[in-house]
Each structure stands twice: as C-alpha cells, then as structure tokens.
Amino acid sequence: MQVKLNGQDISTQTTTLLHLLQEYKIDTKSIAVAINLEVIKEDKWHTHPLKDGDTIECLTFLGGG
C-alpha cells in the first residue's frame, strides 16, 4: 500500500500504525501521531489500521520557554 509519512510517499505492507512506526524506526517516546489530520491516541496505535492513501504525521514535542 502507498501512504505518506511525514511528507514522504512510502510503500509498506504493514497493516497497523505501531508496526509502521517500528518499521521506520521512529522513536515513539514523546510524539503524537495524526492520520489524515486526526490524532490517534497512543493506546490505539497497535490496533489502528492503515489504509492505502493515508497521510501520517509524527509530531515531536519540544520544551522551552
């Protein structure tokens, strides 16, 4: 299937969000993930299905003042 991950078109056989993050070695600490502009809660990553054409954005939290 074809999806867009952080602005890049990729091809994957992975079926869940968590497996995609693991496949692309994305550090899952302190990130939020949105699929098609909908934030997916971390406790749903292991079951959230991916669909052809999904747009996935991984957002990192930065601290500062």
N, C-alpha and C. Protein backbone atom coordinates (compact mmCIF):
# COMPACT_ATOMS: atom_id res chain seq x y z
N MET A 1 0.83 -1.17 0.00
CA MET A 1 0.00 0.00 0.00
C MET A 1 0.88 1.24 0.00
N GLN A 2 0.35 2.32 -0.49
CA GLN A 2 1.05 3.59 -0.54
C GLN A 2 0.47 4.52 0.52
N VAL A 3 1.35 5.11 1.33
CA VAL A 3 0.94 6.11 2.31
C VAL A 3 1.95 7.25 2.28
N LYS A 4 1.61 8.34 2.91
CA LYS A 4 2.53 9.46 3.05
C LYS A 4 2.91 9.55 4.51
N LEU A 5 4.20 9.48 4.80
CA LEU A 5 4.72 9.53 6.17
C LEU A 5 5.60 10.76 6.30
N ASN A 6 5.16 11.71 7.12
CA ASN A 6 5.91 12.96 7.32
C ASN A 6 6.29 13.61 6.00
N GLY A 7 5.34 13.65 5.08
CA GLY A 7 5.54 14.33 3.80
C GLY A 7 6.20 13.51 2.71
N GLN A 8 6.58 12.27 3.01
CA GLN A 8 7.26 11.43 2.01
C GLN A 8 6.35 10.27 1.60
N ASP A 9 6.23 10.04 0.32
CA ASP A 9 5.48 8.89 -0.17
C ASP A 9 6.28 7.63 0.09
N ILE A 10 5.64 6.65 0.73
CA ILE A 10 6.31 5.38 1.02
C ILE A 10 5.39 4.23 0.64
N SER A 11 5.99 3.09 0.48
CA SER A 11 5.27 1.85 0.21
C SER A 11 5.50 0.92 1.39
N THR A 12 4.44 0.30 1.90
CA THR A 12 4.57 -0.59 3.04
C THR A 12 3.57 -1.73 2.95
N GLN A 13 3.92 -2.84 3.57
CA GLN A 13 3.00 -3.96 3.70
C GLN A 13 2.42 -4.02 5.11
N THR A 14 2.86 -3.09 5.96
CA THR A 14 2.43 -3.02 7.35
C THR A 14 0.95 -2.68 7.43
N THR A 15 0.26 -3.27 8.41
CA THR A 15 -1.18 -3.06 8.50
C THR A 15 -1.62 -2.20 9.67
N THR A 16 -0.72 -1.94 10.65
CA THR A 16 -1.11 -1.11 11.79
C THR A 16 -0.13 0.04 11.96
N LEU A 17 -0.61 1.07 12.63
CA LEU A 17 0.21 2.25 12.86
C LEU A 17 1.48 1.92 13.64
N LEU A 18 1.36 1.17 14.72
CA LEU A 18 2.54 0.83 15.53
C LEU A 18 3.59 0.09 14.70
N HIS A 19 3.17 -0.85 13.89
CA HIS A 19 4.13 -1.59 13.07
C HIS A 19 4.83 -0.67 12.06
N LEU A 20 4.11 0.32 11.55
CA LEU A 20 4.73 1.27 10.63
C LEU A 20 5.79 2.09 11.36
N LEU A 21 5.47 2.57 12.56
CA LEU A 21 6.44 3.34 13.34
C LEU A 21 7.68 2.50 13.62
N GLN A 22 7.48 1.23 13.95
CA GLN A 22 8.61 0.33 14.20
C GLN A 22 9.40 0.06 12.93
N GLU A 23 8.70 -0.16 11.83
CA GLU A 23 9.36 -0.43 10.55
C GLU A 23 10.29 0.71 10.15
N TYR A 24 9.86 1.95 10.39
CA TYR A 24 10.66 3.11 10.02
C TYR A 24 11.49 3.66 11.17
N LYS A 25 11.60 2.85 12.24
CA LYS A 25 12.45 3.16 13.39
C LYS A 25 12.19 4.57 13.94
N ILE A 26 10.93 4.91 14.08
CA ILE A 26 10.54 6.20 14.64
C ILE A 26 10.46 6.05 16.15
N ASP A 27 11.19 6.88 16.85
CA ASP A 27 11.20 6.86 18.31
C ASP A 27 9.81 7.27 18.80
N THR A 28 9.14 6.38 19.48
CA THR A 28 7.76 6.63 19.89
C THR A 28 7.64 7.36 21.22
N LYS A 29 8.76 7.71 21.82
CA LYS A 29 8.72 8.48 23.07
C LYS A 29 8.44 9.95 22.74
N SER A 30 7.50 10.53 23.42
CA SER A 30 7.20 11.97 23.31
C SER A 30 6.78 12.41 21.90
N ILE A 31 5.98 11.58 21.23
CA ILE A 31 5.44 12.01 19.95
C ILE A 31 3.92 11.88 19.97
N ALA A 32 3.31 12.61 19.07
CA ALA A 32 1.88 12.45 18.78
C ALA A 32 1.80 12.07 17.31
N VAL A 33 0.80 11.27 16.98
CA VAL A 33 0.65 10.84 15.59
C VAL A 33 -0.75 11.19 15.10
N ALA A 34 -0.80 11.79 13.93
CA ALA A 34 -2.08 12.11 13.30
C ALA A 34 -2.15 11.38 11.96
N ILE A 35 -3.31 10.80 11.69
CA ILE A 35 -3.57 10.18 10.39
C ILE A 35 -4.73 10.93 9.77
N ASN A 36 -4.49 11.47 8.60
CA ASN A 36 -5.50 12.26 7.89
C ASN A 36 -6.06 13.35 8.80
N LEU A 37 -5.16 14.03 9.52
CA LEU A 37 -5.45 15.15 10.42
C LEU A 37 -6.20 14.76 11.68
N GLU A 38 -6.33 13.48 11.98
CA GLU A 38 -6.98 13.02 13.21
C GLU A 38 -5.91 12.42 14.12
N VAL A 39 -5.79 12.99 15.33
CA VAL A 39 -4.80 12.48 16.28
C VAL A 39 -5.25 11.10 16.77
N ILE A 40 -4.31 10.15 16.74
CA ILE A 40 -4.58 8.78 17.19
C ILE A 40 -3.93 8.61 18.56
N LYS A 41 -4.72 8.26 19.54
CA LYS A 41 -4.18 8.06 20.89
C LYS A 41 -3.20 6.89 20.90
N GLU A 42 -2.16 7.05 21.72
CA GLU A 42 -1.09 6.05 21.76
C GLU A 42 -1.61 4.66 22.09
N ASP A 43 -2.60 4.54 22.93
CA ASP A 43 -3.10 3.21 23.29
C ASP A 43 -3.85 2.52 22.15
N LYS A 44 -4.07 3.23 21.04
CA LYS A 44 -4.73 2.66 19.85
C LYS A 44 -3.75 2.36 18.72
N TRP A 45 -2.49 2.75 18.88
CA TRP A 45 -1.51 2.57 17.80
C TRP A 45 -1.39 1.12 17.36
N HIS A 46 -1.43 0.19 18.30
CA HIS A 46 -1.21 -1.23 17.95
C HIS A 46 -2.40 -1.84 17.20
N THR A 47 -3.56 -1.20 17.24
CA THR A 47 -4.73 -1.74 16.53
C THR A 47 -5.24 -0.84 15.41
N HIS A 48 -4.76 0.40 15.34
CA HIS A 48 -5.27 1.32 14.32
C HIS A 48 -4.83 0.86 12.93
N PRO A 49 -5.81 0.54 12.07
CA PRO A 49 -5.44 0.03 10.74
C PRO A 49 -4.98 1.16 9.81
N LEU A 50 -4.05 0.82 8.96
CA LEU A 50 -3.62 1.74 7.92
C LEU A 50 -4.39 1.43 6.64
N LYS A 51 -4.66 2.50 5.87
CA LYS A 51 -5.36 2.34 4.60
C LYS A 51 -4.54 2.98 3.49
N ASP A 52 -4.65 2.43 2.31
CA ASP A 52 -3.96 2.98 1.16
C ASP A 52 -4.32 4.46 1.02
N GLY A 53 -3.31 5.31 0.88
CA GLY A 53 -3.52 6.74 0.70
C GLY A 53 -3.53 7.55 1.98
N ASP A 54 -3.38 6.90 3.15
CA ASP A 54 -3.34 7.64 4.42
C ASP A 54 -2.18 8.62 4.43
N THR A 55 -2.39 9.75 5.12
CA THR A 55 -1.34 10.72 5.37
C THR A 55 -1.05 10.69 6.86
N ILE A 56 0.18 10.32 7.22
CA ILE A 56 0.57 10.12 8.61
C ILE A 56 1.62 11.17 8.97
N GLU A 57 1.37 11.89 10.05
CA GLU A 57 2.32 12.89 10.53
C GLU A 57 2.70 12.55 11.96
N CYS A 58 4.01 12.50 12.23
CA CYS A 58 4.53 12.26 13.58
C CYS A 58 5.06 13.61 14.09
N LEU A 59 4.52 14.04 15.21
CA LEU A 59 4.85 15.34 15.77
C LEU A 59 5.63 15.16 17.06
N THR A 60 6.76 15.82 17.16
CA THR A 60 7.61 15.74 18.34
C THR A 60 7.34 16.94 19.24
N PHE A 61 7.26 16.68 20.53
CA PHE A 61 7.06 17.75 21.50
C PHE A 61 8.41 18.36 21.86
N LEU A 62 8.46 19.68 21.87
CA LEU A 62 9.67 20.40 22.26
C LEU A 62 9.34 21.29 23.45
N GLY A 63 10.22 21.29 24.41
CA GLY A 63 10.03 22.17 25.56
C GLY A 63 10.79 23.47 25.36
N GLY A 64 10.46 24.42 26.13
CA GLY A 64 11.17 25.68 26.03
C GLY A 64 10.44 26.76 26.79
N GLY A 65 10.99 27.93 26.72
CA GLY A 65 10.34 29.00 27.46
C GLY A 65 10.62 30.34 26.94
